[in-house]
């Protein structure tokens, strides 16, 4: 089912007789299950969500008893929901209400673990780079691949509710695509929080796969001197299997504004090529204003 923002929603009196219910009980960004309980003469659906009933302008193909899944976008000036999908029956409605947050998270974790894709951000889009020769555009597209991966959806949703994030950008994230698998993205978010690592895998340009990992540098041994004022380094590791050069890896470590680069190649001839071209590569970094602390070619093995 396509996802559509539903605005202009009017809360009506809950038929359950619960008197002091409030929109404040709905939290921005969370998903809710609702059930169509009736239609008024104007065709407005009365949808029960928890102990509240909201009037919504839905399509004519919906019927009384249909179960719908929503994401709450905010209440200013009026309650606004994003229609995600339709459920099947009353039992599904009851099961979701009774499940509880902890059971849902446990289920999502189990499903994602069975799929064996805990921390990868799958590329569901066309190749990331249409013009890989443009370094400035490449940097923006690499950043966009992580920002729009869905890992930060809840933060973007909160900013959208404050008017600080555009709806068209929000709608491009995986959570708003048809057949979205919540179990995958939730576990990636939990894994990223626990391990402080983000991994992206997909087509970097047509026909070329890339594996990209971004993480904080692991703590050094306690026997080594440690400066509490030193910025924690961020490590970006890119791996490619190129048609001519074979498997190559670039490891970039950024501490403050200083960048260190290590290059590694599986083929000896590629390793030799890196060593021959390393001076030109250093000059390219310096010419673009990047402070380069070190650049070296690491022997494979």
C-alpha atoms as a PDB file:
ATOM      1  CA  UNK A   1       0.000   0.000   0.000  1.00  0.00           C
ATOM      2  CA  UNK A   2       1.367   3.482  -0.782  1.00  0.00           C
ATOM      3  CA  UNK A   3       2.226   5.617   2.194  1.00  0.00           C
ATOM      4  CA  UNK A   4       0.388   8.925   2.446  1.00  0.00           C
ATOM      5  CA  UNK A   5       0.360  11.631   5.099  1.00  0.00           C
ATOM      6  CA  UNK A   6      -3.169  12.083   6.454  1.00  0.00           C
ATOM      7  CA  UNK A   7      -3.739  15.599   7.714  1.00  0.00           C
ATOM      8  CA  UNK A   8      -6.787  17.542   8.835  1.00  0.00           C
ATOM      9  CA  UNK A   9      -7.744  14.804  11.261  1.00  0.00           C
ATOM     10  CA  UNK A  10     -10.441  15.645  13.767  1.00  0.00           C
ATOM     11  CA  UNK A  11     -10.502  13.753  17.055  1.00  0.00           C
ATOM     12  CA  UNK A  12     -13.984  12.594  18.008  1.00  0.00           C
ATOM     13  CA  UNK A  13     -15.409  11.241  21.214  1.00  0.00           C
ATOM     14  CA  UNK A  14     -14.146   7.764  22.050  1.00  0.00           C
ATOM     15  CA  UNK A  15     -17.054   5.269  22.045  1.00  0.00           C
ATOM     16  CA  UNK A  16     -15.488   3.356  24.911  1.00  0.00           C
ATOM     17  CA  UNK A  17     -16.523   6.050  27.364  1.00  0.00           C
ATOM     18  CA  UNK A  18     -12.932   6.781  28.391  1.00  0.00           C
ATOM     19  CA  UNK A  19     -13.343  10.409  29.353  1.00  0.00           C
ATOM     20  CA  UNK A  20     -10.007  12.204  29.624  1.00  0.00           C
ATOM     21  CA  UNK A  21      -8.046  10.733  26.720  1.00  0.00           C
ATOM     22  CA  UNK A  22      -5.678  13.135  24.997  1.00  0.00           C
ATOM     23  CA  UNK A  23      -3.590  13.430  21.872  1.00  0.00           C
ATOM     24  CA  UNK A  24      -0.641  13.910  24.206  1.00  0.00           C
ATOM     25  CA  UNK A  25      -0.646  10.168  24.797  1.00  0.00           C
ATOM     26  CA  UNK A  26       0.485   9.711  21.182  1.00  0.00           C
ATOM     27  CA  UNK A  27       4.228  10.101  20.712  1.00  0.00           C
ATOM     28  CA  UNK A  28       5.671  11.546  17.522  1.00  0.00           C
ATOM     29  CA  UNK A  29       7.444   8.950  15.416  1.00  0.00           C
ATOM     30  CA  UNK A  30       5.888   5.857  16.966  1.00  0.00           C
ATOM     31  CA  UNK A  31       3.709   3.425  15.036  1.00  0.00           C
ATOM     32  CA  UNK A  32       0.105   2.819  16.056  1.00  0.00           C
ATOM     33  CA  UNK A  33      -2.578   0.392  14.972  1.00  0.00           C
ATOM     34  CA  UNK A  34      -6.078   1.683  14.317  1.00  0.00           C
ATOM     35  CA  UNK A  35      -9.403   0.135  13.398  1.00  0.00           C
ATOM     36  CA  UNK A  36     -12.165   1.692  11.299  1.00  0.00           C
ATOM     37  CA  UNK A  37     -15.293   1.582  13.470  1.00  0.00           C
ATOM     38  CA  UNK A  38     -17.695   3.574  11.274  1.00  0.00           C
ATOM     39  CA  UNK A  39     -18.147   6.108   8.478  1.00  0.00           C
ATOM     40  CA  UNK A  40     -20.156   9.308   8.835  1.00  0.00           C
ATOM     41  CA  UNK A  41     -22.587  10.505   6.118  1.00  0.00           C
ATOM     42  CA  UNK A  42     -19.822  12.587   4.521  1.00  0.00           C
ATOM     43  CA  UNK A  43     -17.620   9.493   4.123  1.00  0.00           C
ATOM     44  CA  UNK A  44     -15.207  10.415   6.919  1.00  0.00           C
ATOM     45  CA  UNK A  45     -13.840   7.279   8.581  1.00  0.00           C
ATOM     46  CA  UNK A  46     -13.878   7.073  12.367  1.00  0.00           C
ATOM     47  CA  UNK A  47     -10.658   5.286  13.306  1.00  0.00           C
ATOM     48  CA  UNK A  48     -10.025   4.037  16.827  1.00  0.00           C
ATOM     49  CA  UNK A  49      -6.407   4.297  17.977  1.00  0.00           C
ATOM     50  CA  UNK A  50      -6.018   3.194  21.571  1.00  0.00           C
ATOM     51  CA  UNK A  51      -8.782   4.861  23.554  1.00  0.00           C
ATOM     52  CA  UNK A  52      -9.226   7.703  21.060  1.00  0.00           C
ATOM     53  CA  UNK A  53     -11.212   8.011  17.845  1.00  0.00           C
ATOM     54  CA  UNK A  54     -10.072  10.192  14.946  1.00  0.00           C
ATOM     55  CA  UNK A  55     -11.980  11.309  11.874  1.00  0.00           C
ATOM     56  CA  UNK A  56      -9.925  10.590   8.752  1.00  0.00           C
ATOM     57  CA  UNK A  57     -10.445  11.078   5.041  1.00  0.00           C
ATOM     58  CA  UNK A  58      -9.528   7.648   3.702  1.00  0.00           C
ATOM     59  CA  UNK A  59     -10.006   6.039   0.309  1.00  0.00           C
ATOM     60  CA  UNK A  60     -13.331   4.542  -0.696  1.00  0.00           C
ATOM     61  CA  UNK A  61     -11.827   1.029  -0.787  1.00  0.00           C
ATOM     62  CA  UNK A  62     -11.684   0.840   3.020  1.00  0.00           C
ATOM     63  CA  UNK A  63     -14.485  -0.715   5.060  1.00  0.00           C
ATOM     64  CA  UNK A  64     -15.659  -0.889   8.662  1.00  0.00           C
ATOM     65  CA  UNK A  65     -13.491  -3.379  10.564  1.00  0.00           C
ATOM     66  CA  UNK A  66     -10.343  -2.758   8.505  1.00  0.00           C
ATOM     67  CA  UNK A  67      -7.165  -2.560  10.570  1.00  0.00           C
ATOM     68  CA  UNK A  68      -4.671   0.150   9.592  1.00  0.00           C
ATOM     69  CA  UNK A  69      -1.101   0.907  10.623  1.00  0.00           C
ATOM     70  CA  UNK A  70      -0.062   4.529  11.156  1.00  0.00           C
ATOM     71  CA  UNK A  71       2.947   6.544  12.195  1.00  0.00           C
ATOM     72  CA  UNK A  72       2.088   9.634  14.269  1.00  0.00           C
ATOM     73  CA  UNK A  73       3.713  12.744  12.755  1.00  0.00           C
ATOM     74  CA  UNK A  74       2.480  15.383  15.187  1.00  0.00           C
ATOM     75  CA  UNK A  75      -0.518  17.338  16.453  1.00  0.00           C
ATOM     76  CA  UNK A  76       0.314  20.936  15.514  1.00  0.00           C
ATOM     77  CA  UNK A  77      -1.983  22.380  14.297  1.00  0.00           C
ATOM     78  CA  UNK A  78      -3.973  19.179  13.804  1.00  0.00           C
ATOM     79  CA  UNK A  79      -3.178  15.509  14.426  1.00  0.00           C
ATOM     80  CA  UNK A  80      -1.356  14.085  11.404  1.00  0.00           C
ATOM     81  CA  UNK A  81      -0.702  10.420  10.697  1.00  0.00           C
ATOM     82  CA  UNK A  82       1.230   8.585   8.002  1.00  0.00           C
ATOM     83  CA  UNK A  83      -0.752   5.619   6.677  1.00  0.00           C
ATOM     84  CA  UNK A  84       1.684   2.686   6.461  1.00  0.00           C
ATOM     85  CA  UNK A  85      -0.355  -0.432   5.716  1.00  0.00           C
ATOM     86  CA  UNK A  86      -3.657  -2.181   6.309  1.00  0.00           C
ATOM     87  CA  UNK A  87      -4.000  -5.205   8.548  1.00  0.00           C
ATOM     88  CA  UNK A  88      -6.287  -8.153   8.057  1.00  0.00           C
ATOM     89  CA  UNK A  89      -8.736  -8.590  10.898  1.00  0.00           C
ATOM     90  CA  UNK A  90      -9.806  -7.939  14.473  1.00  0.00           C
ATOM     91  CA  UNK A  91      -7.435 -10.544  15.882  1.00  0.00           C
ATOM     92  CA  UNK A  92      -4.437  -8.715  14.403  1.00  0.00           C
ATOM     93  CA  UNK A  93      -5.664  -5.525  16.067  1.00  0.00           C
ATOM     94  CA  UNK A  94      -5.938  -7.230  19.438  1.00  0.00           C
ATOM     95  CA  UNK A  95      -2.592  -9.011  19.122  1.00  0.00           C
ATOM     96  CA  UNK A  96      -0.713  -5.771  18.458  1.00  0.00           C
ATOM     97  CA  UNK A  97      -2.417  -3.965  21.341  1.00  0.00           C
ATOM     98  CA  UNK A  98      -1.588  -6.767  23.766  1.00  0.00           C
ATOM     99  CA  UNK A  99       1.948  -7.463  22.578  1.00  0.00           C
ATOM    100  CA  UNK A 100       3.781  -4.667  24.409  1.00  0.00           C
ATOM    101  CA  UNK A 101       6.911  -2.806  23.432  1.00  0.00           C
ATOM    102  CA  UNK A 102       9.366  -5.290  24.934  1.00  0.00           C
ATOM    103  CA  UNK A 103       7.885  -8.243  23.078  1.00  0.00           C
ATOM    104  CA  UNK A 104       7.949  -6.321  19.805  1.00  0.00           C
ATOM    105  CA  UNK A 105      11.626  -5.439  20.151  1.00  0.00           C
ATOM    106  CA  UNK A 106      12.507  -9.030  21.070  1.00  0.00           C
ATOM    107  CA  UNK A 107      10.634 -10.317  18.010  1.00  0.00           C
ATOM    108  CA  UNK A 108      12.335  -7.835  15.701  1.00  0.00           C
ATOM    109  CA  UNK A 109      15.741  -8.826  17.052  1.00  0.00           C
ATOM    110  CA  UNK A 110      15.054 -12.535  16.536  1.00  0.00           C
ATOM    111  CA  UNK A 111      13.875 -12.012  12.952  1.00  0.00           C
ATOM    112  CA  UNK A 112      16.863  -9.885  12.026  1.00  0.00           C
ATOM    113  CA  UNK A 113      19.307 -12.374  13.564  1.00  0.00           C
ATOM    114  CA  UNK A 114      17.796 -15.179  11.502  1.00  0.00           C
ATOM    115  CA  UNK A 115      18.436 -13.139   8.377  1.00  0.00           C
ATOM    116  CA  UNK A 116      22.090 -12.640   9.333  1.00  0.00           C
ATOM    117  CA  UNK A 117      22.139  -9.004   8.270  1.00  0.00           C
ATOM    118  CA  UNK A 118      22.437  -7.205  11.586  1.00  0.00           C
ATOM    119  CA  UNK A 119      24.396  -4.086  10.778  1.00  0.00           C
ATOM    120  CA  UNK A 120      24.383  -3.716   7.009  1.00  0.00           C
ATOM    121  CA  UNK A 121      22.506  -0.834   5.455  1.00  0.00           C
ATOM    122  CA  UNK A 122      21.200  -2.505   2.309  1.00  0.00           C
ATOM    123  CA  UNK A 123      21.225  -0.429  -0.864  1.00  0.00           C
ATOM    124  CA  UNK A 124      17.668  -0.408  -2.217  1.00  0.00           C
ATOM    125  CA  UNK A 125      18.416   2.529  -4.491  1.00  0.00           C
ATOM    126  CA  UNK A 126      20.128   2.873  -7.889  1.00  0.00           C
ATOM    127  CA  UNK A 127      23.951   3.114  -7.855  1.00  0.00           C
ATOM    128  CA  UNK A 128      25.078   5.796  -5.437  1.00  0.00           C
ATOM    129  CA  UNK A 129      27.410   7.609  -7.818  1.00  0.00           C
ATOM    130  CA  UNK A 130      26.391   8.576 -11.315  1.00  0.00           C
ATOM    131  CA  UNK A 131      29.602  10.580 -11.829  1.00  0.00           C
ATOM    132  CA  UNK A 132      32.382   9.120  -9.632  1.00  0.00           C
ATOM    133  CA  UNK A 133      34.962  11.464 -11.163  1.00  0.00           C
ATOM    134  CA  UNK A 134      33.381  14.445  -9.361  1.00  0.00           C
ATOM    135  CA  UNK A 135      34.969  14.295  -5.894  1.00  0.00           C
ATOM    136  CA  UNK A 136      32.809  17.015  -4.321  1.00  0.00           C
ATOM    137  CA  UNK A 137      29.610  15.380  -5.550  1.00  0.00           C
ATOM    138  CA  UNK A 138      30.908  11.984  -4.416  1.00  0.00           C
ATOM    139  CA  UNK A 139      31.432  13.271  -0.872  1.00  0.00           C
ATOM    140  CA  UNK A 140      27.873  14.587  -0.735  1.00  0.00           C
ATOM    141  CA  UNK A 141      26.454  11.329  -2.082  1.00  0.00           C
ATOM    142  CA  UNK A 142      28.436   9.229   0.409  1.00  0.00           C
ATOM    143  CA  UNK A 143      27.089  11.365   3.227  1.00  0.00           C
ATOM    144  CA  UNK A 144      23.570  11.082   1.836  1.00  0.00           C
ATOM    145  CA  UNK A 145      23.815   7.277   1.695  1.00  0.00           C
ATOM    146  CA  UNK A 146      24.279   7.139   5.472  1.00  0.00           C
ATOM    147  CA  UNK A 147      21.930   9.990   6.379  1.00  0.00           C
ATOM    148  CA  UNK A 148      19.087   8.525   4.288  1.00  0.00           C
ATOM    149  CA  UNK A 149      19.739   4.887   5.248  1.00  0.00           C
ATOM    150  CA  UNK A 150      16.877   4.833   7.763  1.00  0.00           C
ATOM    151  CA  UNK A 151      19.150   4.518  10.779  1.00  0.00           C
ATOM    152  CA  UNK A 152      18.348   8.083  11.824  1.00  0.00           C
ATOM    153  CA  UNK A 153      14.677   8.072  10.841  1.00  0.00           C
ATOM    154  CA  UNK A 154      13.303   8.817  14.306  1.00  0.00           C
ATOM    155  CA  UNK A 155      15.602  11.826  14.656  1.00  0.00           C
ATOM    156  CA  UNK A 156      14.542  13.095  11.238  1.00  0.00           C
ATOM    157  CA  UNK A 157      10.897  12.529  12.149  1.00  0.00           C
ATOM    158  CA  UNK A 158      11.282  14.583  15.317  1.00  0.00           C
ATOM    159  CA  UNK A 159      12.917  17.366  13.297  1.00  0.00           C
ATOM    160  CA  UNK A 160      10.092  17.161  10.753  1.00  0.00           C
ATOM    161  CA  UNK A 161       7.569  17.690  13.535  1.00  0.00           C
ATOM    162  CA  UNK A 162       9.521  20.843  14.500  1.00  0.00           C
ATOM    163  CA  UNK A 163       9.581  22.064  10.905  1.00  0.00           C
ATOM    164  CA  UNK A 164      13.318  21.386  10.579  1.00  0.00           C
ATOM    165  CA  UNK A 165      13.214  18.425   8.136  1.00  0.00           C
ATOM    166  CA  UNK A 166      11.389  18.348   4.777  1.00  0.00           C
ATOM    167  CA  UNK A 167       8.603  15.838   4.198  1.00  0.00           C
ATOM    168  CA  UNK A 168       9.887  14.908   0.728  1.00  0.00           C
ATOM    169  CA  UNK A 169      13.228  13.832   2.266  1.00  0.00           C
ATOM    170  CA  UNK A 170      11.453  11.893   5.016  1.00  0.00           C
ATOM    171  CA  UNK A 171       9.387   9.999   2.443  1.00  0.00           C
ATOM    172  CA  UNK A 172      12.543   8.787   0.657  1.00  0.00           C
ATOM    173  CA  UNK A 173      13.797   6.796   3.650  1.00  0.00           C
ATOM    174  CA  UNK A 174      13.339   2.993   3.779  1.00  0.00           C
ATOM    175  CA  UNK A 175      10.632   3.208   6.460  1.00  0.00           C
ATOM    176  CA  UNK A 176       8.278   4.801   3.931  1.00  0.00           C
ATOM    177  CA  UNK A 177       8.861   2.368   1.074  1.00  0.00           C
ATOM    178  CA  UNK A 178       6.435  -0.412   0.135  1.00  0.00           C
ATOM    179  CA  UNK A 179       7.094  -3.774   1.828  1.00  0.00           C
ATOM    180  CA  UNK A 180       9.384  -2.166   4.407  1.00  0.00           C
ATOM    181  CA  UNK A 181      10.862  -4.777   6.775  1.00  0.00           C
ATOM    182  CA  UNK A 182      10.895  -3.174  10.224  1.00  0.00           C
ATOM    183  CA  UNK A 183      12.847  -6.037  11.796  1.00  0.00           C
ATOM    184  CA  UNK A 184      15.923  -5.311   9.678  1.00  0.00           C
ATOM    185  CA  UNK A 185      16.222  -1.589  10.325  1.00  0.00           C
ATOM    186  CA  UNK A 186      15.378  -1.735  14.048  1.00  0.00           C
ATOM    187  CA  UNK A 187      18.109  -4.272  14.695  1.00  0.00           C
ATOM    188  CA  UNK A 188      20.583  -2.268  12.629  1.00  0.00           C
ATOM    189  CA  UNK A 189      19.778   0.728  14.804  1.00  0.00           C
ATOM    190  CA  UNK A 190      20.245  -1.267  18.005  1.00  0.00           C
ATOM    191  CA  UNK A 191      23.461  -2.812  16.685  1.00  0.00           C
ATOM    192  CA  UNK A 192      24.808   0.587  15.624  1.00  0.00           C
ATOM    193  CA  UNK A 193      24.085   2.002  19.073  1.00  0.00           C
ATOM    194  CA  UNK A 194      25.715  -0.926  20.854  1.00  0.00           C
ATOM    195  CA  UNK A 195      28.807  -1.290  18.658  1.00  0.00           C
ATOM    196  CA  UNK A 196      29.094   2.318  17.424  1.00  0.00           C
ATOM    197  CA  UNK A 197      29.517   0.985  13.878  1.00  0.00           C
ATOM    198  CA  UNK A 198      27.607   1.668  10.674  1.00  0.00           C
ATOM    199  CA  UNK A 199      28.057  -0.505   7.609  1.00  0.00           C
ATOM    200  CA  UNK A 200      26.810   0.262   4.096  1.00  0.00           C
ATOM    201  CA  UNK A 201      26.832  -2.257   1.246  1.00  0.00           C
ATOM    202  CA  UNK A 202      25.638  -1.638  -2.292  1.00  0.00           C
ATOM    203  CA  UNK A 203      26.396  -0.383  -5.795  1.00  0.00           C
ATOM    204  CA  UNK A 204      28.760   2.560  -5.644  1.00  0.00           C
ATOM    205  CA  UNK A 205      28.519   3.005  -9.422  1.00  0.00           C
ATOM    206  CA  UNK A 206      26.843   0.805 -12.044  1.00  0.00           C
ATOM    207  CA  UNK A 207      28.133  -2.760 -11.740  1.00  0.00           C
ATOM    208  CA  UNK A 208      30.512  -2.049  -8.842  1.00  0.00           C
ATOM    209  CA  UNK A 209      29.782  -3.207  -5.290  1.00  0.00           C
ATOM    210  CA  UNK A 210      31.319  -1.479  -2.301  1.00  0.00           C
ATOM    211  CA  UNK A 211      31.477  -2.369   1.380  1.00  0.00           C
ATOM    212  CA  UNK A 212      31.821   0.667   3.629  1.00  0.00           C
ATOM    213  CA  UNK A 213      32.183   0.710   7.395  1.00  0.00           C
ATOM    214  CA  UNK A 214      32.297   3.763   9.654  1.00  0.00           C
ATOM    215  CA  UNK A 215      33.158   3.405  13.344  1.00  0.00           C
ATOM    216  CA  UNK A 216      34.944   4.963  16.271  1.00  0.00           C
ATOM    217  CA  UNK A 217      38.532   3.782  16.621  1.00  0.00           C
ATOM    218  CA  UNK A 218      38.941   0.998  19.166  1.00  0.00           C
ATOM    219  CA  UNK A 219      40.450   2.043  22.485  1.00  0.00           C
ATOM    220  CA  UNK A 220      44.207   1.675  22.719  1.00  0.00           C
ATOM    221  CA  UNK A 221      45.777  -0.642  25.283  1.00  0.00           C
ATOM    222  CA  UNK A 222      45.649   0.794  28.809  1.00  0.00           C
ATOM    223  CA  UNK A 223      49.459   0.414  29.003  1.00  0.00           C
ATOM    224  CA  UNK A 224      49.833   3.187  26.444  1.00  0.00           C
ATOM    225  CA  UNK A 225      49.686   6.866  27.425  1.00  0.00           C
ATOM    226  CA  UNK A 226      46.230   8.339  26.984  1.00  0.00           C
ATOM    227  CA  UNK A 227      45.317  12.005  26.653  1.00  0.00           C
ATOM    228  CA  UNK A 228      41.757  12.702  27.762  1.00  0.00           C
ATOM    229  CA  UNK A 229      41.763  15.882  25.679  1.00  0.00           C
ATOM    230  CA  UNK A 230      42.513  14.007  22.461  1.00  0.00           C
ATOM    231  CA  UNK A 231      39.584  13.700  20.066  1.00  0.00           C
ATOM    232  CA  UNK A 232      38.335  10.180  19.543  1.00  0.00           C
ATOM    233  CA  UNK A 233      39.217   9.077  16.034  1.00  0.00           C
ATOM    234  CA  UNK A 234      36.662   8.054  13.432  1.00  0.00           C
ATOM    235  CA  UNK A 235      37.671   5.225  11.102  1.00  0.00           C
ATOM    236  CA  UNK A 236      36.201   4.756   7.630  1.00  0.00           C
ATOM    237  CA  UNK A 237      37.058   1.529   5.788  1.00  0.00           C
ATOM    238  CA  UNK A 238      36.151   1.091   2.119  1.00  0.00           C
ATOM    239  CA  UNK A 239      36.569  -2.240   0.325  1.00  0.00           C
ATOM    240  CA  UNK A 240      36.193  -2.773  -3.420  1.00  0.00           C
ATOM    241  CA  UNK A 241      36.835  -5.651  -5.813  1.00  0.00           C
ATOM    242  CA  UNK A 242      37.782  -3.832  -9.012  1.00  0.00           C
ATOM    243  CA  UNK A 243      37.952  -5.466 -12.459  1.00  0.00           C
ATOM    244  CA  UNK A 244      41.622  -4.596 -13.096  1.00  0.00           C
ATOM    245  CA  UNK A 245      43.065  -3.833  -9.664  1.00  0.00           C
ATOM    246  CA  UNK A 246      41.375  -6.680  -7.794  1.00  0.00           C
ATOM    247  CA  UNK A 247      40.482  -6.411  -4.105  1.00  0.00           C
ATOM    248  CA  UNK A 248      41.574  -3.143  -2.540  1.00  0.00           C
ATOM    249  CA  UNK A 249      40.974  -1.539   0.833  1.00  0.00           C
ATOM    250  CA  UNK A 250      41.310   2.061   1.943  1.00  0.00           C
ATOM    251  CA  UNK A 251      41.339   2.816   5.662  1.00  0.00           C
ATOM    252  CA  UNK A 252      40.914   6.480   6.574  1.00  0.00           C
ATOM    253  CA  UNK A 253      41.376   7.579  10.182  1.00  0.00           C
ATOM    254  CA  UNK A 254      40.245  11.078  11.105  1.00  0.00           C
ATOM    255  CA  UNK A 255      41.299  12.570  14.438  1.00  0.00           C
ATOM    256  CA  UNK A 256      40.306  16.189  14.783  1.00  0.00           C
ATOM    257  CA  UNK A 257      41.148  17.626  11.365  1.00  0.00           C
ATOM    258  CA  UNK A 258      44.111  15.319  10.705  1.00  0.00           C
ATOM    259  CA  UNK A 259      43.601  12.445   8.290  1.00  0.00           C
ATOM    260  CA  UNK A 260      45.691   9.265   8.053  1.00  0.00           C
ATOM    261  CA  UNK A 261      45.271   6.927   5.083  1.00  0.00           C
ATOM    262  CA  UNK A 262      46.314   3.304   4.680  1.00  0.00           C
ATOM    263  CA  UNK A 263      45.980   1.507   1.346  1.00  0.00           C
ATOM    264  CA  UNK A 264      46.053  -2.246   0.898  1.00  0.00           C
ATOM    265  CA  UNK A 265      45.775  -4.428  -2.207  1.00  0.00           C
ATOM    266  CA  UNK A 266      45.498  -8.172  -2.684  1.00  0.00           C
ATOM    267  CA  UNK A 267      47.403  -8.180  -6.000  1.00  0.00           C
ATOM    268  CA  UNK A 268      51.168  -7.436  -5.779  1.00  0.00           C
ATOM    269  CA  UNK A 269      51.038  -5.427  -9.007  1.00  0.00           C
ATOM    270  CA  UNK A 270      48.272  -3.237  -7.575  1.00  0.00           C
ATOM    271  CA  UNK A 271      50.275  -2.728  -4.394  1.00  0.00           C
ATOM    272  CA  UNK A 272      53.256  -1.642  -6.501  1.00  0.00           C
ATOM    273  CA  UNK A 273      51.032   0.745  -8.448  1.00  0.00           C
ATOM    274  CA  UNK A 274      49.826   2.323  -5.204  1.00  0.00           C
ATOM    275  CA  UNK A 275      53.422   2.871  -4.105  1.00  0.00           C
ATOM    276  CA  UNK A 276      54.266   4.506  -7.434  1.00  0.00           C
ATOM    277  CA  UNK A 277      51.268   6.835  -7.330  1.00  0.00           C
ATOM    278  CA  UNK A 278      51.226   7.678  -3.620  1.00  0.00           C
ATOM    279  CA  UNK A 279      52.978  11.037  -4.102  1.00  0.00           C
ATOM    280  CA  UNK A 280      50.354  12.188  -6.589  1.00  0.00           C
ATOM    281  CA  UNK A 281      47.615  11.013  -4.243  1.00  0.00           C
ATOM    282  CA  UNK A 282      49.125  12.992  -1.359  1.00  0.00           C
ATOM    283  CA  UNK A 283      49.262  16.079  -3.560  1.00  0.00           C
ATOM    284  CA  UNK A 284      45.606  15.631  -4.443  1.00  0.00           C
ATOM    285  CA  UNK A 285      44.617  15.567  -0.770  1.00  0.00           C
ATOM    286  CA  UNK A 286      46.727  18.637   0.004  1.00  0.00           C
ATOM    287  CA  UNK A 287      45.379  20.522  -3.001  1.00  0.00           C
ATOM    288  CA  UNK A 288      41.847  19.996  -1.703  1.00  0.00           C
ATOM    289  CA  UNK A 289      42.723  21.496   1.670  1.00  0.00           C
ATOM    290  CA  UNK A 290      42.748  18.249   3.635  1.00  0.00           C
ATOM    291  CA  UNK A 291      45.325  18.090   6.419  1.00  0.00           C
ATOM    292  CA  UNK A 292      47.134  14.807   5.789  1.00  0.00           C
ATOM    293  CA  UNK A 293      48.976  13.361   8.766  1.00  0.00           C
ATOM    294  CA  UNK A 294      50.169  10.193   7.028  1.00  0.00           C
ATOM    295  CA  UNK A 295      49.594   8.054   3.950  1.00  0.00           C
ATOM    296  CA  UNK A 296      51.093   4.626   3.453  1.00  0.00           C
ATOM    297  CA  UNK A 297      50.675   1.403   1.517  1.00  0.00           C
ATOM    298  CA  UNK A 298      50.327  -1.667   3.731  1.00  0.00           C
ATOM    299  CA  UNK A 299      51.564  -5.017   2.460  1.00  0.00           C
ATOM    300  CA  UNK A 300      48.805  -7.572   2.017  1.00  0.00           C
ATOM    301  CA  UNK A 301      48.760 -10.545   4.315  1.00  0.00           C
END
